[in-house]
Amino acid sequence: MLNRHRALVVAGLGTTQTLAWASSFYLPAILGVPIAAALGVAPTLIFGLFSGALLLSAATAPYIGGLIDRHGGRAVLVASNVVLAAGLALLGLAQGMVSLAAAWIVLGIGMAMGLYDPAFAALTRLYGREARGVRSPGSR
């Protein structure tokens, strides 16, 4: 039963991680230039704002880690999806530099809440030392 529960947790977390990375970190690689063209701004502005979002993510990571320590990872990871969705909505509604910056601020906070580090912290809090690795059925 425990292995089935762990498999479901890992599968769910893997799916949400794929969506979180695709909708935040990898987004500018695919849509940065088209967004810049649609808004009539330089692509460097899009990538500069993305870089700022990464810095914001790093700056807020210790606070997010504290939230995970106090409240567990589930609530933080669920909230990250809401924050990332809000950031994507703001990005879709952006009309210029100020609204683009606002969108990337929200996305940066969402990245701090929902990418690898919080996911691994949540798994470690949930499974302790047993979170280090998953063994295949035939391995020792």
C-alpha atoms as a PDB file:
ATOM      1  CA  MET A   1       0.000   0.000   0.000  1.00  0.00           C
ATOM      2  CA  LEU A   2       2.829   2.392   0.870  1.00  0.00           C
ATOM      3  CA  ASN A   3       4.542   1.822  -2.483  1.00  0.00           C
ATOM      4  CA  ARG A   4       1.265   2.459  -4.320  1.00  0.00           C
ATOM      5  CA  HIS A   5       0.751   5.684  -2.357  1.00  0.00           C
ATOM      6  CA  ARG A   6       4.322   6.757  -3.082  1.00  0.00           C
ATOM      7  CA  ALA A   7       3.904   5.949  -6.779  1.00  0.00           C
ATOM      8  CA  LEU A   8       0.754   8.099  -6.922  1.00  0.00           C
ATOM      9  CA  VAL A   9       2.477  10.960  -5.110  1.00  0.00           C
ATOM     10  CA  VAL A  10       5.512  10.802  -7.406  1.00  0.00           C
ATOM     11  CA  ALA A  11       3.339  10.541 -10.541  1.00  0.00           C
ATOM     12  CA  GLY A  12       1.214  13.502  -9.453  1.00  0.00           C
ATOM     13  CA  LEU A  13       4.237  15.544  -8.499  1.00  0.00           C
ATOM     14  CA  GLY A  14       5.992  14.666 -11.758  1.00  0.00           C
ATOM     15  CA  THR A  15       2.972  15.764 -13.777  1.00  0.00           C
ATOM     16  CA  THR A  16       2.611  19.051 -11.921  1.00  0.00           C
ATOM     17  CA  GLN A  17       6.363  19.670 -12.175  1.00  0.00           C
ATOM     18  CA  THR A  18       6.224  19.219 -15.939  1.00  0.00           C
ATOM     19  CA  LEU A  19       3.374  21.720 -16.178  1.00  0.00           C
ATOM     20  CA  ALA A  20       5.029  24.182 -13.789  1.00  0.00           C
ATOM     21  CA  TRP A  21       8.350  24.155 -15.650  1.00  0.00           C
ATOM     22  CA  ALA A  22       6.663  24.397 -19.054  1.00  0.00           C
ATOM     23  CA  SER A  23       4.454  27.291 -18.005  1.00  0.00           C
ATOM     24  CA  SER A  24       7.210  29.307 -16.352  1.00  0.00           C
ATOM     25  CA  PHE A  25      10.881  28.518 -16.887  1.00  0.00           C
ATOM     26  CA  TYR A  26      10.649  27.226 -20.472  1.00  0.00           C
ATOM     27  CA  LEU A  27       7.954  29.669 -21.580  1.00  0.00           C
ATOM     28  CA  PRO A  28      10.260  32.469 -22.809  1.00  0.00           C
ATOM     29  CA  ALA A  29      12.266  30.061 -24.968  1.00  0.00           C
ATOM     30  CA  ILE A  30       9.154  29.326 -27.015  1.00  0.00           C
ATOM     31  CA  LEU A  31       7.048  32.465 -26.672  1.00  0.00           C
ATOM     32  CA  GLY A  32       9.484  35.249 -25.740  1.00  0.00           C
ATOM     33  CA  VAL A  33      10.095  36.530 -29.264  1.00  0.00           C
ATOM     34  CA  PRO A  34       6.430  36.241 -30.381  1.00  0.00           C
ATOM     35  CA  ILE A  35       5.285  38.061 -27.217  1.00  0.00           C
ATOM     36  CA  ALA A  36       7.828  40.814 -27.838  1.00  0.00           C
ATOM     37  CA  ALA A  37       6.697  41.143 -31.460  1.00  0.00           C
ATOM     38  CA  ALA A  38       3.013  41.251 -30.501  1.00  0.00           C
ATOM     39  CA  LEU A  39       3.636  43.996 -27.944  1.00  0.00           C
ATOM     40  CA  GLY A  40       6.149  45.914 -30.043  1.00  0.00           C
ATOM     41  CA  VAL A  41       8.953  45.607 -27.489  1.00  0.00           C
ATOM     42  CA  ALA A  42      12.471  44.279 -27.818  1.00  0.00           C
ATOM     43  CA  PRO A  43      12.914  40.568 -27.080  1.00  0.00           C
ATOM     44  CA  THR A  44      15.661  41.562 -24.657  1.00  0.00           C
ATOM     45  CA  LEU A  45      12.959  43.160 -22.499  1.00  0.00           C
ATOM     46  CA  ILE A  46      11.114  39.830 -22.252  1.00  0.00           C
ATOM     47  CA  PHE A  47      14.294  37.940 -21.406  1.00  0.00           C
ATOM     48  CA  GLY A  48      15.394  40.657 -18.978  1.00  0.00           C
ATOM     49  CA  LEU A  49      12.067  40.433 -17.137  1.00  0.00           C
ATOM     50  CA  PHE A  50      12.404  36.647 -17.097  1.00  0.00           C
ATOM     51  CA  SER A  51      15.884  37.017 -15.575  1.00  0.00           C
ATOM     52  CA  GLY A  52      14.398  39.320 -12.959  1.00  0.00           C
ATOM     53  CA  ALA A  53      11.754  36.687 -12.213  1.00  0.00           C
ATOM     54  CA  LEU A  54      14.519  34.124 -11.649  1.00  0.00           C
ATOM     55  CA  LEU A  55      16.261  36.498  -9.240  1.00  0.00           C
ATOM     56  CA  LEU A  56      12.972  37.106  -7.419  1.00  0.00           C
ATOM     57  CA  SER A  57      12.434  33.352  -7.244  1.00  0.00           C
ATOM     58  CA  ALA A  58      15.861  32.897  -5.655  1.00  0.00           C
ATOM     59  CA  ALA A  59      15.268  35.766  -3.216  1.00  0.00           C
ATOM     60  CA  THR A  60      11.928  34.402  -2.041  1.00  0.00           C
ATOM     61  CA  ALA A  61      13.019  30.731  -1.876  1.00  0.00           C
ATOM     62  CA  PRO A  62      14.112  30.858   1.804  1.00  0.00           C
ATOM     63  CA  TYR A  63      10.704  32.210   2.795  1.00  0.00           C
ATOM     64  CA  ILE A  64       8.977  29.488   0.753  1.00  0.00           C
ATOM     65  CA  GLY A  65      11.187  26.867   2.411  1.00  0.00           C
ATOM     66  CA  GLY A  66      10.084  28.164   5.796  1.00  0.00           C
ATOM     67  CA  LEU A  67       6.448  27.843   4.751  1.00  0.00           C
ATOM     68  CA  ILE A  68       7.068  24.238   3.743  1.00  0.00           C
ATOM     69  CA  ASP A  69       8.781  23.569   7.086  1.00  0.00           C
ATOM     70  CA  ARG A  70       5.839  25.036   9.004  1.00  0.00           C
ATOM     71  CA  HIS A  71       2.875  23.902   6.922  1.00  0.00           C
ATOM     72  CA  GLY A  72       4.072  21.092   4.689  1.00  0.00           C
ATOM     73  CA  GLY A  73       4.565  21.022   0.971  1.00  0.00           C
ATOM     74  CA  ARG A  74       1.075  20.169  -0.199  1.00  0.00           C
ATOM     75  CA  ALA A  75      -0.446  23.584   0.490  1.00  0.00           C
ATOM     76  CA  VAL A  76       2.539  25.439  -0.961  1.00  0.00           C
ATOM     77  CA  LEU A  77       2.664  23.303  -4.113  1.00  0.00           C
ATOM     78  CA  VAL A  78      -1.095  23.621  -4.668  1.00  0.00           C
ATOM     79  CA  ALA A  79      -0.878  27.374  -4.164  1.00  0.00           C
ATOM     80  CA  SER A  80       1.996  27.510  -6.657  1.00  0.00           C
ATOM     81  CA  ASN A  81      -0.354  26.319  -9.384  1.00  0.00           C
ATOM     82  CA  VAL A  82      -2.772  29.128  -8.576  1.00  0.00           C
ATOM     83  CA  VAL A  83       0.046  31.699  -8.544  1.00  0.00           C
ATOM     84  CA  LEU A  84       1.516  30.411 -11.816  1.00  0.00           C
ATOM     85  CA  ALA A  85      -1.942  30.448 -13.435  1.00  0.00           C
ATOM     86  CA  ALA A  86      -2.445  34.038 -12.267  1.00  0.00           C
ATOM     87  CA  GLY A  87       0.963  34.989 -13.689  1.00  0.00           C
ATOM     88  CA  LEU A  88       0.109  33.385 -17.024  1.00  0.00           C
ATOM     89  CA  ALA A  89      -3.233  35.205 -17.093  1.00  0.00           C
ATOM     90  CA  LEU A  90      -1.446  38.492 -16.420  1.00  0.00           C
ATOM     91  CA  LEU A  91       1.078  37.669 -19.131  1.00  0.00           C
ATOM     92  CA  GLY A  92      -1.752  36.988 -21.569  1.00  0.00           C
ATOM     93  CA  LEU A  93      -3.352  40.343 -20.700  1.00  0.00           C
ATOM     94  CA  ALA A  94      -0.095  42.323 -20.765  1.00  0.00           C
ATOM     95  CA  GLN A  95      -0.118  45.460 -22.899  1.00  0.00           C
ATOM     96  CA  GLY A  96       3.321  46.906 -22.199  1.00  0.00           C
ATOM     97  CA  MET A  97       6.326  46.997 -19.913  1.00  0.00           C
ATOM     98  CA  VAL A  98       4.494  47.622 -16.630  1.00  0.00           C
ATOM     99  CA  SER A  99       1.991  44.814 -17.134  1.00  0.00           C
ATOM    100  CA  LEU A 100       4.746  42.501 -18.404  1.00  0.00           C
ATOM    101  CA  ALA A 101       6.787  43.246 -15.286  1.00  0.00           C
ATOM    102  CA  ALA A 102       3.769  42.556 -13.076  1.00  0.00           C
ATOM    103  CA  ALA A 103       3.211  39.213 -14.815  1.00  0.00           C
ATOM    104  CA  TRP A 104       6.839  38.174 -14.398  1.00  0.00           C
ATOM    105  CA  ILE A 105       6.819  39.197 -10.729  1.00  0.00           C
ATOM    106  CA  VAL A 106       3.883  36.850 -10.138  1.00  0.00           C
ATOM    107  CA  LEU A 107       5.521  34.118 -12.230  1.00  0.00           C
ATOM    108  CA  GLY A 108       8.775  34.522 -10.268  1.00  0.00           C
ATOM    109  CA  ILE A 109       6.930  33.985  -7.002  1.00  0.00           C
ATOM    110  CA  GLY A 110       5.143  30.999  -8.528  1.00  0.00           C
ATOM    111  CA  MET A 111       8.471  29.506  -9.617  1.00  0.00           C
ATOM    112  CA  ALA A 112       9.822  29.856  -6.080  1.00  0.00           C
ATOM    113  CA  MET A 113       6.738  28.063  -4.792  1.00  0.00           C
ATOM    114  CA  GLY A 114       6.430  25.281  -7.323  1.00  0.00           C
ATOM    115  CA  LEU A 115       9.609  24.189  -9.085  1.00  0.00           C
ATOM    116  CA  TYR A 116      12.103  21.490  -8.019  1.00  0.00           C
ATOM    117  CA  ASP A 117      13.321  22.808  -4.680  1.00  0.00           C
ATOM    118  CA  PRO A 118       9.901  23.021  -3.011  1.00  0.00           C
ATOM    119  CA  ALA A 119       8.870  19.712  -4.571  1.00  0.00           C
ATOM    120  CA  PHE A 120      11.967  17.952  -3.227  1.00  0.00           C
ATOM    121  CA  ALA A 121      11.504  19.599   0.173  1.00  0.00           C
ATOM    122  CA  ALA A 122       7.914  18.369   0.244  1.00  0.00           C
ATOM    123  CA  LEU A 123       8.987  14.814  -0.629  1.00  0.00           C
ATOM    124  CA  THR A 124      11.691  14.896   2.028  1.00  0.00           C
ATOM    125  CA  ARG A 125       9.243  16.160   4.625  1.00  0.00           C
ATOM    126  CA  LEU A 126       6.773  13.459   3.622  1.00  0.00           C
ATOM    127  CA  TYR A 127       9.158  10.483   3.333  1.00  0.00           C
ATOM    128  CA  GLY A 128      12.272  11.520   5.262  1.00  0.00           C
ATOM    129  CA  ARG A 129      15.385   9.538   4.373  1.00  0.00           C
ATOM    130  CA  GLU A 130      13.261   7.207   2.266  1.00  0.00           C
ATOM    131  CA  ALA A 131      12.736  10.086  -0.212  1.00  0.00           C
ATOM    132  CA  ARG A 132      16.328   9.800  -1.495  1.00  0.00           C
ATOM    133  CA  GLY A 133      15.545   7.395  -4.262  1.00  0.00           C
ATOM    134  CA  VAL A 134      13.005   5.052  -5.701  1.00  0.00           C
ATOM    135  CA  ARG A 135      14.232   1.568  -6.379  1.00  0.00           C
ATOM    136  CA  SER A 136      12.934  -0.406  -9.284  1.00  0.00           C
ATOM    137  CA  PRO A 137      11.174  -3.660  -8.338  1.00  0.00           C
ATOM    138  CA  GLY A 138      14.171  -5.832  -9.326  1.00  0.00           C
ATOM    139  CA  SER A 139      16.917  -3.744  -7.680  1.00  0.00           C
ATOM    140  CA  ARG A 140      18.460  -4.265  -4.245  1.00  0.00           C
END
